[in-house]
Amino acid sequence: MKVSAVRQALLLIALALVPAIGEAIYFRNKVSWQSPIPASELVTVEQAQSWGGNVIWVDARPDSEFERDHIPGAISLNEDRWNELLPQFLGQWSPEKRVVVYCSATLHAQRPTSNTAI
């Protein structure tokens, strides 16, 4: 009885791994944070400002940079305090509003296309 349960558990694990491995292989180069930002999603500061109150500004920089200077009304949402800051963002988010995320030039220097990004 005990051997049968172990065998069944191993079979279920093996069956679950098959699609997971296939998905990992298929999507290995399609992970969003590794992909360049499509030109259609880049906006200038002027474009974003023209949206007026229909935009949520998200500052993705570290807290020290946000405290030093940020766009008035921007929400801090960085990876260091993601779990703590996300509820504040979700409280202001609505499907009708556009979300503009900006970060420091240091982070953008790693991406050649991001010089025109906010």
PDB file of N, CA and C in Angstrom:
ATOM      1  N   MET A   1       0.832  -1.200   0.000  1.00  0.00           N
ATOM      2  CA  MET A   1       0.000   0.000   0.000  1.00  0.00           C
ATOM      3  C   MET A   1       0.871   1.257   0.000  1.00  0.00           C
ATOM      4  N   LYS A   2       1.901   1.278   0.848  1.00  0.00           N
ATOM      5  CA  LYS A   2       2.756   2.443   0.954  1.00  0.00           C
ATOM      6  C   LYS A   2       3.551   2.665  -0.330  1.00  0.00           C
ATOM      7  N   VAL A   3       4.034   1.590  -0.931  1.00  0.00           N
ATOM      8  CA  VAL A   3       4.790   1.686  -2.177  1.00  0.00           C
ATOM      9  C   VAL A   3       3.898   2.187  -3.301  1.00  0.00           C
ATOM     10  N   SER A   4       2.655   1.766  -3.322  1.00  0.00           N
ATOM     11  CA  SER A   4       1.708   2.189  -4.349  1.00  0.00           C
ATOM     12  C   SER A   4       1.445   3.694  -4.263  1.00  0.00           C
ATOM     13  N   ALA A   5       1.301   4.218  -3.062  1.00  0.00           N
ATOM     14  CA  ALA A   5       1.049   5.650  -2.877  1.00  0.00           C
ATOM     15  C   ALA A   5       2.260   6.470  -3.327  1.00  0.00           C
ATOM     16  N   VAL A   6       3.447   6.003  -3.005  1.00  0.00           N
ATOM     17  CA  VAL A   6       4.670   6.696  -3.416  1.00  0.00           C
ATOM     18  C   VAL A   6       4.792   6.673  -4.934  1.00  0.00           C
ATOM     19  N   ARG A   7       4.495   5.519  -5.537  1.00  0.00           N
ATOM     20  CA  ARG A   7       4.562   5.378  -6.984  1.00  0.00           C
ATOM     21  C   ARG A   7       3.565   6.322  -7.660  1.00  0.00           C
ATOM     22  N   GLN A   8       2.344   6.420  -7.118  1.00  0.00           N
ATOM     23  CA  GLN A   8       1.343   7.319  -7.679  1.00  0.00           C
ATOM     24  C   GLN A   8       1.775   8.786  -7.555  1.00  0.00           C
ATOM     25  N   ALA A   9       2.349   9.137  -6.413  1.00  0.00           N
ATOM     26  CA  ALA A   9       2.815  10.511  -6.211  1.00  0.00           C
ATOM     27  C   ALA A   9       3.928  10.843  -7.202  1.00  0.00           C
ATOM     28  N   LEU A  10       4.861   9.955  -7.419  1.00  0.00           N
ATOM     29  CA  LEU A  10       5.938  10.185  -8.373  1.00  0.00           C
ATOM     30  C   LEU A  10       5.401  10.293  -9.799  1.00  0.00           C
ATOM     31  N   LEU A  11       4.412   9.489 -10.132  1.00  0.00           N
ATOM     32  CA  LEU A  11       3.800   9.556 -11.452  1.00  0.00           C
ATOM     33  C   LEU A  11       3.106  10.902 -11.668  1.00  0.00           C
ATOM     34  N   LEU A  12       2.386  11.384 -10.661  1.00  0.00           N
ATOM     35  CA  LEU A  12       1.725  12.688 -10.765  1.00  0.00           C
ATOM     36  C   LEU A  12       2.744  13.817 -10.909  1.00  0.00           C
ATOM     37  N   ILE A  13       3.832  13.757 -10.167  1.00  0.00           N
ATOM     38  CA  ILE A  13       4.879  14.774 -10.273  1.00  0.00           C
ATOM     39  C   ILE A  13       5.486  14.751 -11.667  1.00  0.00           C
ATOM     40  N   ALA A  14       5.767  13.570 -12.186  1.00  0.00           N
ATOM     41  CA  ALA A  14       6.351  13.454 -13.526  1.00  0.00           C
ATOM     42  C   ALA A  14       5.399  13.995 -14.579  1.00  0.00           C
ATOM     43  N   LEU A  15       4.114  13.697 -14.444  1.00  0.00           N
ATOM     44  CA  LEU A  15       3.122  14.194 -15.402  1.00  0.00           C
ATOM     45  C   LEU A  15       2.990  15.722 -15.328  1.00  0.00           C
ATOM     46  N   ALA A  16       3.130  16.286 -14.144  1.00  0.00           N
ATOM     47  CA  ALA A  16       3.050  17.744 -14.003  1.00  0.00           C
ATOM     48  C   ALA A  16       4.289  18.425 -14.583  1.00  0.00           C
ATOM     49  N   LEU A  17       5.412  17.758 -14.530  1.00  0.00           N
ATOM     50  CA  LEU A  17       6.649  18.347 -15.033  1.00  0.00           C
ATOM     51  C   LEU A  17       6.692  18.424 -16.560  1.00  0.00           C
ATOM     52  N   VAL A  18       6.032  17.511 -17.239  1.00  0.00           N
ATOM     53  CA  VAL A  18       6.086  17.485 -18.702  1.00  0.00           C
ATOM     54  C   VAL A  18       5.589  18.803 -19.307  1.00  0.00           C
ATOM     55  N   PRO A  19       4.373  19.292 -18.996  1.00  0.00           N
ATOM     56  CA  PRO A  19       3.956  20.572 -19.580  1.00  0.00           C
ATOM     57  C   PRO A  19       4.775  21.754 -19.044  1.00  0.00           C
ATOM     58  N   ALA A  20       5.200  21.674 -17.803  1.00  0.00           N
ATOM     59  CA  ALA A  20       5.998  22.771 -17.242  1.00  0.00           C
ATOM     60  C   ALA A  20       7.324  22.916 -17.973  1.00  0.00           C
ATOM     61  N   ILE A  21       7.977  21.823 -18.267  1.00  0.00           N
ATOM     62  CA  ILE A  21       9.240  21.865 -19.006  1.00  0.00           C
ATOM     63  C   ILE A  21       9.004  22.365 -20.432  1.00  0.00           C
ATOM     64  N   GLY A  22       7.940  21.883 -21.055  1.00  0.00           N
ATOM     65  CA  GLY A  22       7.623  22.342 -22.407  1.00  0.00           C
ATOM     66  C   GLY A  22       7.364  23.839 -22.446  1.00  0.00           C
ATOM     67  N   GLU A  23       6.631  24.350 -21.475  1.00  0.00           N
ATOM     68  CA  GLU A  23       6.347  25.785 -21.416  1.00  0.00           C
ATOM     69  C   GLU A  23       7.626  26.588 -21.156  1.00  0.00           C
ATOM     70  N   ALA A  24       8.481  26.093 -20.286  1.00  0.00           N
ATOM     71  CA  ALA A  24       9.740  26.789 -20.000  1.00  0.00           C
ATOM     72  C   ALA A  24      10.620  26.858 -21.242  1.00  0.00           C
ATOM     73  N   ILE A  25      10.633  25.801 -22.013  1.00  0.00           N
ATOM     74  CA  ILE A  25      11.436  25.805 -23.244  1.00  0.00           C
ATOM     75  C   ILE A  25      10.821  26.745 -24.277  1.00  0.00           C
ATOM     76  N   TYR A  26       9.511  26.697 -24.443  1.00  0.00           N
ATOM     77  CA  TYR A  26       8.848  27.524 -25.452  1.00  0.00           C
ATOM     78  C   TYR A  26       8.962  29.019 -25.133  1.00  0.00           C
ATOM     79  N   PHE A  27       8.793  29.386 -23.861  1.00  0.00           N
ATOM     80  CA  PHE A  27       8.778  30.793 -23.469  1.00  0.00           C
ATOM     81  C   PHE A  27      10.126  31.301 -22.947  1.00  0.00           C
ATOM     82  N   ARG A  28      11.196  30.569 -23.107  1.00  0.00           N
ATOM     83  CA  ARG A  28      12.484  30.950 -22.512  1.00  0.00           C
ATOM     84  C   ARG A  28      12.986  32.307 -22.976  1.00  0.00           C
ATOM     85  N   ASN A  29      12.681  32.721 -24.191  1.00  0.00           N
ATOM     86  CA  ASN A  29      13.122  34.020 -24.685  1.00  0.00           C
ATOM     87  C   ASN A  29      11.998  35.044 -24.750  1.00  0.00           C
ATOM     88  N   LYS A  30      10.871  34.718 -24.166  1.00  0.00           N
ATOM     89  CA  LYS A  30       9.715  35.596 -24.257  1.00  0.00           C
ATOM     90  C   LYS A  30       9.316  36.184 -22.910  1.00  0.00           C
ATOM     91  N   VAL A  31      10.194  36.153 -21.930  1.00  0.00           N
ATOM     92  CA  VAL A  31       9.893  36.694 -20.616  1.00  0.00           C
ATOM     93  C   VAL A  31       9.896  38.214 -20.721  1.00  0.00           C
ATOM     94  N   SER A  32       8.849  38.862 -20.243  1.00  0.00           N
ATOM     95  CA  SER A  32       8.659  40.297 -20.469  1.00  0.00           C
ATOM     96  C   SER A  32       9.789  41.151 -19.917  1.00  0.00           C
ATOM     97  N   TRP A  33      10.335  40.827 -18.770  1.00  0.00           N
ATOM     98  CA  TRP A  33      11.380  41.681 -18.209  1.00  0.00           C
ATOM     99  C   TRP A  33      12.712  41.524 -18.939  1.00  0.00           C
ATOM    100  N   GLN A  34      12.816  40.546 -19.825  1.00  0.00           N
ATOM    101  CA  GLN A  34      14.024  40.374 -20.628  1.00  0.00           C
ATOM    102  C   GLN A  34      13.840  40.935 -22.033  1.00  0.00           C
ATOM    103  N   SER A  35      12.641  41.303 -22.371  1.00  0.00           N
ATOM    104  CA  SER A  35      12.336  41.780 -23.716  1.00  0.00           C
ATOM    105  C   SER A  35      12.451  43.298 -23.765  1.00  0.00           C
ATOM    106  N   PRO A  36      12.880  43.844 -24.902  1.00  0.00           N
ATOM    107  CA  PRO A  36      12.889  45.300 -25.026  1.00  0.00           C
ATOM    108  C   PRO A  36      11.461  45.833 -25.042  1.00  0.00           C
ATOM    109  N   ILE A  37      11.312  47.079 -24.640  1.00  0.00           N
ATOM    110  CA  ILE A  37       9.990  47.704 -24.626  1.00  0.00           C
ATOM    111  C   ILE A  37       9.600  48.008 -26.071  1.00  0.00           C
ATOM    112  N   PRO A  38       8.434  47.540 -26.521  1.00  0.00           N
ATOM    113  CA  PRO A  38       8.010  47.838 -27.893  1.00  0.00           C
ATOM    114  C   PRO A  38       7.840  49.344 -28.085  1.00  0.00           C
ATOM    115  N   ALA A  39       8.193  49.824 -29.249  1.00  0.00           N
ATOM    116  CA  ALA A  39       8.096  51.254 -29.549  1.00  0.00           C
ATOM    117  C   ALA A  39       6.673  51.776 -29.354  1.00  0.00           C
ATOM    118  N   SER A  40       5.681  50.932 -29.579  1.00  0.00           N
ATOM    119  CA  SER A  40       4.287  51.359 -29.436  1.00  0.00           C
ATOM    120  C   SER A  40       3.920  51.669 -27.984  1.00  0.00           C
ATOM    121  N   GLU A  41       4.720  51.181 -27.027  1.00  0.00           N
ATOM    122  CA  GLU A  41       4.433  51.417 -25.613  1.00  0.00           C
ATOM    123  C   GLU A  41       5.255  52.561 -25.024  1.00  0.00           C
ATOM    124  N   LEU A  42       6.175  53.129 -25.795  1.00  0.00           N
ATOM    125  CA  LEU A  42       6.974  54.243 -25.317  1.00  0.00           C
ATOM    126  C   LEU A  42       6.223  55.546 -25.527  1.00  0.00           C
ATOM    127  N   VAL A  43       6.269  56.404 -24.541  1.00  0.00           N
ATOM    128  CA  VAL A  43       5.649  57.714 -24.657  1.00  0.00           C
ATOM    129  C   VAL A  43       6.634  58.770 -24.176  1.00  0.00           C
ATOM    130  N   THR A  44       6.438  59.978 -24.639  1.00  0.00           N
ATOM    131  CA  THR A  44       7.260  61.078 -24.164  1.00  0.00           C
ATOM    132  C   THR A  44       6.604  61.672 -22.917  1.00  0.00           C
ATOM    133  N   VAL A  45       7.354  62.450 -22.190  1.00  0.00           N
ATOM    134  CA  VAL A  45       6.805  63.120 -21.018  1.00  0.00           C
ATOM    135  C   VAL A  45       5.651  64.026 -21.429  1.00  0.00           C
ATOM    136  N   GLU A  46       5.819  64.719 -22.566  1.00  0.00           N
ATOM    137  CA  GLU A  46       4.772  65.620 -23.044  1.00  0.00           C
ATOM    138  C   GLU A  46       3.477  64.869 -23.339  1.00  0.00           C
ATOM    139  N   GLN A  47       3.589  63.695 -23.958  1.00  0.00           N
ATOM    140  CA  GLN A  47       2.389  62.897 -24.242  1.00  0.00           C
ATOM    141  C   GLN A  47       1.685  62.517 -22.954  1.00  0.00           C
ATOM    142  N   ALA A  48       2.451  62.021 -21.999  1.00  0.00           N
ATOM    143  CA  ALA A  48       1.859  61.586 -20.729  1.00  0.00           C
ATOM    144  C   ALA A  48       1.234  62.760 -19.986  1.00  0.00           C
ATOM    145  N   GLN A  49       1.877  63.901 -20.011  1.00  0.00           N
ATOM    146  CA  GLN A  49       1.321  65.078 -19.335  1.00  0.00           C
ATOM    147  C   GLN A  49       0.041  65.550 -20.018  1.00  0.00           C
ATOM    148  N   SER A  50      -0.073  65.339 -21.316  1.00  0.00           N
ATOM    149  CA  SER A  50      -1.282  65.757 -22.034  1.00  0.00           C
ATOM    150  C   SER A  50      -2.507  64.935 -21.633  1.00  0.00           C
ATOM    151  N   TRP A  51      -2.312  63.802 -21.007  1.00  0.00           N
ATOM    152  CA  TRP A  51      -3.424  62.968 -20.554  1.00  0.00           C
ATOM    153  C   TRP A  51      -4.068  63.546 -19.297  1.00  0.00           C
ATOM    154  N   GLY A  52      -3.427  64.516 -18.684  1.00  0.00           N
ATOM    155  CA  GLY A  52      -3.984  65.187 -17.509  1.00  0.00           C
ATOM    156  C   GLY A  52      -4.191  64.254 -16.335  1.00  0.00           C
ATOM    157  N   GLY A  53      -5.389  64.315 -15.758  1.00  0.00           N
ATOM    158  CA  GLY A  53      -5.702  63.508 -14.580  1.00  0.00           C
ATOM    159  C   GLY A  53      -6.032  62.071 -14.893  1.00  0.00           C
ATOM    160  N   ASN A  54      -5.949  61.693 -16.142  1.00  0.00           N
ATOM    161  CA  ASN A  54      -6.285  60.333 -16.551  1.00  0.00           C
ATOM    162  C   ASN A  54      -5.056  59.438 -16.573  1.00  0.00           C
ATOM    163  N   VAL A  55      -4.066  59.751 -15.726  1.00  0.00           N
ATOM    164  CA  VAL A  55      -2.832  58.981 -15.707  1.00  0.00           C
ATOM    165  C   VAL A  55      -2.389  58.759 -14.265  1.00  0.00           C
ATOM    166  N   ILE A  56      -1.813  57.604 -14.021  1.00  0.00           N
ATOM    167  CA  ILE A  56      -1.193  57.301 -12.732  1.00  0.00           C
ATOM    168  C   ILE A  56       0.305  57.238 -12.981  1.00  0.00           C
ATOM    169  N   TRP A  57       1.056  58.093 -12.316  1.00  0.00           N
ATOM    170  CA  TRP A  57       2.513  58.099 -12.430  1.00  0.00           C
ATOM    171  C   TRP A  57       3.075  57.142 -11.389  1.00  0.00           C
ATOM    172  N   VAL A  58       3.875  56.191 -11.839  1.00  0.00           N
ATOM    173  CA  VAL A  58       4.502  55.219 -10.943  1.00  0.00           C
ATOM    174  C   VAL A  58       6.010  55.412 -11.003  1.00  0.00           C
ATOM    175  N   ASP A  59       6.585  55.723  -9.863  1.00  0.00           N
ATOM    176  CA  ASP A  59       8.029  55.921  -9.745  1.00  0.00           C
ATOM    177  C   ASP A  59       8.645  54.610  -9.286  1.00  0.00           C
ATOM    178  N   ALA A  60       9.424  53.978 -10.164  1.00  0.00           N
ATOM    179  CA  ALA A  60      10.001  52.662  -9.868  1.00  0.00           C
ATOM    180  C   ALA A  60      11.416  52.758  -9.287  1.00  0.00           C
ATOM    181  N   ARG A  61      11.831  53.967  -8.932  1.00  0.00           N
ATOM    182  CA  ARG A  61      13.175  54.162  -8.392  1.00  0.00           C
ATOM    183  C   ARG A  61      13.225  53.785  -6.914  1.00  0.00           C
ATOM    184  N   PRO A  62      14.427  53.611  -6.378  1.00  0.00           N
ATOM    185  CA  PRO A  62      14.563  53.342  -4.935  1.00  0.00           C
ATOM    186  C   PRO A  62      13.959  54.481  -4.106  1.00  0.00           C
ATOM    187  N   ASP A  63      13.601  54.178  -2.872  1.00  0.00           N
ATOM    188  CA  ASP A  63      12.964  55.155  -1.986  1.00  0.00           C
ATOM    189  C   ASP A  63      13.786  56.428  -1.836  1.00  0.00           C
ATOM    190  N   SER A  64      15.088  56.305  -1.727  1.00  0.00           N
ATOM    191  CA  SER A  64      15.931  57.486  -1.527  1.00  0.00           C
ATOM    192  C   SER A  64      15.796  58.465  -2.691  1.00  0.00           C
ATOM    193  N   GLU A  65      15.719  57.946  -3.920  1.00  0.00           N
ATOM    194  CA  GLU A  65      15.558  58.827  -5.082  1.00  0.00           C
ATOM    195  C   GLU A  65      14.151  59.416  -5.132  1.00  0.00           C
ATOM    196  N   PHE A  66      13.154  58.607  -4.766  1.00  0.00           N
ATOM    197  CA  PHE A  66      11.774  59.107  -4.743  1.00  0.00           C
ATOM    198  C   PHE A  66      11.631  60.235  -3.731  1.00  0.00           C
ATOM    199  N   GLU A  67      12.226  60.060  -2.547  1.00  0.00           N
ATOM    200  CA  GLU A  67      12.138  61.090  -1.504  1.00  0.00           C
ATOM    201  C   GLU A  67      12.864  62.363  -1.915  1.00  0.00           C
ATOM    202  N   ARG A  68      13.947  62.233  -2.650  1.00  0.00           N
ATOM    203  CA  ARG A  68      14.720  63.395  -3.089  1.00  0.00           C
ATOM    204  C   ARG A  68      13.941  64.216  -4.117  1.00  0.00           C
ATOM    205  N   ASP A  69      13.280  63.537  -5.061  1.00  0.00           N
ATOM    206  CA  ASP A  69      12.552  64.243  -6.116  1.00  0.00           C
ATOM    207  C   ASP A  69      11.675  63.245  -6.867  1.00  0.00           C
ATOM    208  N   HIS A  70      10.466  63.655  -7.181  1.00  0.00           N
ATOM    209  CA  HIS A  70       9.567  62.818  -7.990  1.00  0.00           C
ATOM    210  C   HIS A  70       8.507  63.701  -8.642  1.00  0.00           C
ATOM    211  N   ILE A  71       7.827  63.155  -9.607  1.00  0.00           N
ATOM    212  CA  ILE A  71       6.738  63.865 -10.276  1.00  0.00           C
ATOM    213  C   ILE A  71       5.605  64.046  -9.265  1.00  0.00           C
ATOM    214  N   PRO A  72       5.078  65.255  -9.128  1.00  0.00           N
ATOM    215  CA  PRO A  72       3.981  65.477  -8.173  1.00  0.00           C
ATOM    216  C   PRO A  72       2.827  64.506  -8.413  1.00  0.00           C
ATOM    217  N   GLY A  73       2.388  63.860  -7.348  1.00  0.00           N
ATOM    218  CA  GLY A  73       1.290  62.899  -7.422  1.00  0.00           C
ATOM    219  C   GLY A  73       1.718  61.487  -7.762  1.00  0.00           C
ATOM    220  N   ALA A  74       3.019  61.288  -8.024  1.00  0.00           N
ATOM    221  CA  ALA A  74       3.493  59.949  -8.378  1.00  0.00           C
ATOM    222  C   ALA A  74       3.429  59.014  -7.174  1.00  0.00           C
ATOM    223  N   ILE A  75       3.257  57.740  -7.469  1.00  0.00           N
ATOM    224  CA  ILE A  75       3.228  56.694  -6.453  1.00  0.00           C
ATOM    225  C   ILE A  75       4.557  55.958  -6.517  1.00  0.00           C
ATOM    226  N   SER A  76       5.175  55.751  -5.375  1.00  0.00           N
ATOM    227  CA  SER A  76       6.398  54.956  -5.338  1.00  0.00           C
ATOM    228  C   SER A  76       6.013  53.476  -5.381  1.00  0.00           C
ATOM    229  N   LEU A  77       6.618  52.747  -6.286  1.00  0.00           N
ATOM    230  CA  LEU A  77       6.376  51.304  -6.394  1.00  0.00           C
ATOM    231  C   LEU A  77       7.660  50.673  -6.914  1.00  0.00           C
ATOM    232  N   ASN A  78       8.520  50.274  -5.987  1.00  0.00           N
ATOM    233  CA  ASN A  78       9.800  49.705  -6.382  1.00  0.00           C
ATOM    234  C   ASN A  78       9.918  48.270  -5.906  1.00  0.00           C
ATOM    235  N   GLU A  79      10.890  47.563  -6.452  1.00  0.00           N
ATOM    236  CA  GLU A  79      11.016  46.144  -6.151  1.00  0.00           C
ATOM    237  C   GLU A  79      11.461  45.870  -4.721  1.00  0.00           C
ATOM    238  N   ASP A  80      12.092  46.849  -4.070  1.00  0.00           N
ATOM    239  CA  ASP A  80      12.550  46.641  -2.699  1.00  0.00           C
ATOM    240  C   ASP A  80      11.387  46.540  -1.712  1.00  0.00           C
ATOM    241  N   ARG A  81      10.312  47.280  -1.978  1.00  0.00           N
ATOM    242  CA  ARG A  81       9.161  47.301  -1.066  1.00  0.00           C
ATOM    243  C   ARG A  81       7.869  46.985  -1.807  1.00  0.00           C
ATOM    244  N   TRP A  82       7.960  46.123  -2.813  1.00  0.00           N
ATOM    245  CA  TRP A  82       6.822  45.804  -3.684  1.00  0.00           C
ATOM    246  C   TRP A  82       5.575  45.411  -2.897  1.00  0.00           C
ATOM    247  N   ASN A  83       5.708  44.449  -1.994  1.00  0.00           N
ATOM    248  CA  ASN A  83       4.534  43.946  -1.264  1.00  0.00           C
ATOM    249  C   ASN A  83       3.899  45.026  -0.400  1.00  0.00           C
ATOM    250  N   GLU A  84       4.703  45.923   0.108  1.00  0.00           N
ATOM    251  CA  GLU A  84       4.203  46.989   0.966  1.00  0.00           C
ATOM    252  C   GLU A  84       3.540  48.113   0.156  1.00  0.00           C
ATOM    253  N   LEU A  85       4.092  48.427  -1.017  1.00  0.00           N
ATOM    254  CA  LEU A  85       3.625  49.563  -1.810  1.00  0.00           C
ATOM    255  C   LEU A  85       2.514  49.219  -2.809  1.00  0.00           C
ATOM    256  N   LEU A  86       2.413  47.959  -3.194  1.00  0.00           N
ATOM    257  CA  LEU A  86       1.423  47.568  -4.200  1.00  0.00           C
ATOM    258  C   LEU A  86      -0.020  47.921  -3.809  1.00  0.00           C
ATOM    259  N   PRO A  87      -0.440  47.718  -2.555  1.00  0.00           N
ATOM    260  CA  PRO A  87      -1.821  48.083  -2.215  1.00  0.00           C
ATOM    261  C   PRO A  87      -2.134  49.559  -2.459  1.00  0.00           C
ATOM    262  N   GLN A  88      -1.165  50.456  -2.237  1.00  0.00           N
ATOM    263  CA  GLN A  88      -1.380  51.880  -2.497  1.00  0.00           C
ATOM    264  C   GLN A  88      -1.653  52.112  -3.985  1.00  0.00           C
ATOM    265  N   PHE A  89      -0.883  51.434  -4.835  1.00  0.00           N
ATOM    266  CA  PHE A  89      -1.100  51.559  -6.276  1.00  0.00           C
ATOM    267  C   PHE A  89      -2.474  51.007  -6.655  1.00  0.00           C
ATOM    268  N   LEU A  90      -2.788  49.827  -6.165  1.00  0.00           N
ATOM    269  CA  LEU A  90      -4.071  49.199  -6.518  1.00  0.00           C
ATOM    270  C   LEU A  90      -5.256  50.034  -6.050  1.00  0.00           C
ATOM    271  N   GLY A  91      -5.080  50.780  -4.956  1.00  0.00           N
ATOM    272  CA  GLY A  91      -6.142  51.650  -4.466  1.00  0.00           C
ATOM    273  C   GLY A  91      -6.443  52.797  -5.418  1.00  0.00           C
ATOM    274  N   GLN A  92      -5.473  53.215  -6.214  1.00  0.00           N
ATOM    275  CA  GLN A  92      -5.668  54.316  -7.152  1.00  0.00           C
ATOM    276  C   GLN A  92      -5.908  53.844  -8.582  1.00  0.00           C
ATOM    277  N   TRP A  93      -5.600  52.591  -8.862  1.00  0.00           N
ATOM    278  CA  TRP A  93      -5.701  52.085 -10.230  1.00  0.00           C
ATOM    279  C   TRP A  93      -7.156  51.900 -10.631  1.00  0.00           C
ATOM    280  N   SER A  94      -7.429  52.188 -11.892  1.00  0.00           N
ATOM    281  CA  SER A  94      -8.724  51.863 -12.498  1.00  0.00           C
ATOM    282  C   SER A  94      -8.468  51.611 -13.978  1.00  0.00           C
ATOM    283  N   PRO A  95      -9.296  50.804 -14.633  1.00  0.00           N
ATOM    284  CA  PRO A  95      -9.076  50.476 -16.043  1.00  0.00           C
ATOM    285  C   PRO A  95      -9.101  51.690 -16.964  1.00  0.00           C
ATOM    286  N   GLU A  96      -9.765  52.765 -16.546  1.00  0.00           N
ATOM    287  CA  GLU A  96      -9.855  53.952 -17.384  1.00  0.00           C
ATOM    288  C   GLU A  96      -8.572  54.779 -17.381  1.00  0.00           C
ATOM    289  N   LYS A  97      -7.725  54.579 -16.380  1.00  0.00           N
ATOM    290  CA  LYS A  97      -6.513  55.389 -16.261  1.00  0.00           C
ATOM    291  C   LYS A  97      -5.324  54.711 -16.940  1.00  0.00           C
ATOM    292  N   ARG A  98      -4.453  55.530 -17.503  1.00  0.00           N
ATOM    293  CA  ARG A  98      -3.214  55.038 -18.089  1.00  0.00           C
ATOM    294  C   ARG A  98      -2.160  55.035 -17.000  1.00  0.00           C
ATOM    295  N   VAL A  99      -1.278  54.057 -17.048  1.00  0.00           N
ATOM    296  CA  VAL A  99      -0.212  53.940 -16.062  1.00  0.00           C
ATOM    297  C   VAL A  99       1.111  54.244 -16.755  1.00  0.00           C
ATOM    298  N   VAL A 100       1.829  55.229 -16.212  1.00  0.00           N
ATOM    299  CA  VAL A 100       3.140  55.603 -16.742  1.00  0.00           C
ATOM    300  C   VAL A 100       4.167  55.278 -15.674  1.00  0.00           C
ATOM    301  N   VAL A 101       5.084  54.386 -16.012  1.00  0.00           N
ATOM    302  CA  VAL A 101       6.132  53.979 -15.079  1.00  0.00           C
ATOM    303  C   VAL A 101       7.430  54.628 -15.512  1.00  0.00           C
ATOM    304  N   TYR A 102       8.125  55.227 -14.562  1.00  0.00           N
ATOM    305  CA  TYR A 102       9.430  55.802 -14.868  1.00  0.00           C
ATOM    306  C   TYR A 102      10.430  55.382 -13.804  1.00  0.00           C
ATOM    307  N   CYS A 103      11.697  55.394 -14.199  1.00  0.00           N
ATOM    308  CA  CYS A 103      12.763  55.028 -13.273  1.00  0.00           C
ATOM    309  C   CYS A 103      13.981  55.900 -13.546  1.00  0.00           C
ATOM    310  N   SER A 104      15.085  55.591 -12.890  1.00  0.00           N
ATOM    311  CA  SER A 104      16.263  56.446 -13.013  1.00  0.00           C
ATOM    312  C   SER A 104      17.012  56.190 -14.312  1.00  0.00           C
ATOM    313  N   ALA A 105      17.793  57.166 -14.725  1.00  0.00           N
ATOM    314  CA  ALA A 105      18.600  57.048 -15.941  1.00  0.00           C
ATOM    315  C   ALA A 105      19.615  55.923 -15.811  1.00  0.00           C
ATOM    316  N   THR A 106      20.047  55.628 -14.594  1.00  0.00           N
ATOM    317  CA  THR A 106      21.016  54.551 -14.372  1.00  0.00           C
ATOM    318  C   THR A 106      20.427  53.221 -14.816  1.00  0.00           C
ATOM    319  N   LEU A 107      19.174  52.995 -14.477  1.00  0.00           N
ATOM    320  CA  LEU A 107      18.524  51.748 -14.885  1.00  0.00           C
ATOM    321  C   LEU A 107      18.310  51.728 -16.385  1.00  0.00           C
ATOM    322  N   HIS A 108      17.975  52.883 -16.973  1.00  0.00           N
ATOM    323  CA  HIS A 108      17.726  52.944 -18.406  1.00  0.00           C
ATOM    324  C   HIS A 108      18.982  52.774 -19.224  1.00  0.00           C
ATOM    325  N   ALA A 109      20.128  53.058 -18.663  1.00  0.00           N
ATOM    326  CA  ALA A 109      21.375  52.966 -19.416  1.00  0.00           C
ATOM    327  C   ALA A 109      21.626  51.545 -19.898  1.00  0.00           C
ATOM    328  N   GLN A 110      20.997  50.584 -19.272  1.00  0.00           N
ATOM    329  CA  GLN A 110      21.173  49.189 -19.669  1.00  0.00           C
ATOM    330  C   GLN A 110      20.397  48.857 -20.926  1.00  0.00           C
ATOM    331  N   ARG A 111      19.435  49.702 -21.315  1.00  0.00           N
ATOM    332  CA  ARG A 111      18.592  49.447 -22.479  1.00  0.00           C
ATOM    333  C   ARG A 111      18.815  50.528 -23.513  1.00  0.00           C
ATOM    334  N   PRO A 112      19.255  50.176 -24.696  1.00  0.00           N
ATOM    335  CA  PRO A 112      19.510  51.199 -25.704  1.00  0.00           C
ATOM    336  C   PRO A 112      18.266  51.918 -26.181  1.00  0.00           C
ATOM    337  N   THR A 113      17.105  51.280 -26.129  1.00  0.00           N
ATOM    338  CA  THR A 113      15.873  51.905 -26.634  1.00  0.00           C
ATOM    339  C   THR A 113      15.208  52.778 -25.592  1.00  0.00           C
ATOM    340  N   SER A 114      15.683  52.760 -24.368  1.00  0.00           N
ATOM    341  CA  SER A 114      14.973  53.431 -23.317  1.00  0.00           C
ATOM    342  C   SER A 114      15.335  54.900 -23.172  1.00  0.00           C
ATOM    343  N   ASN A 115      16.213  55.422 -23.975  1.00  0.00           N
ATOM    344  CA  ASN A 115      16.551  56.841 -23.873  1.00  0.00           C
ATOM    345  C   ASN A 115      15.350  57.728 -24.116  1.00  0.00           C
ATOM    346  N   THR A 116      14.387  57.245 -24.897  1.00  0.00           N
ATOM    347  CA  THR A 116      13.198  58.036 -25.169  1.00  0.00           C
ATOM    348  C   THR A 116      12.047  57.639 -24.249  1.00  0.00           C
ATOM    349  N   ALA A 117      12.261  56.636 -23.421  1.00  0.00           N
ATOM    350  CA  ALA A 117      11.194  56.182 -22.527  1.00  0.00           C
ATOM    351  C   ALA A 117      11.134  57.069 -21.303  1.00  0.00           C
ATOM    352  N   ILE A 118      10.004  57.054 -20.655  1.00  0.00           N
ATOM    353  CA  ILE A 118       9.853  57.804 -19.410  1.00  0.00           C
ATOM    354  C   ILE A 118      10.431  56.954 -18.309  1.00  0.00           C
TER     355      ILE A 118
END
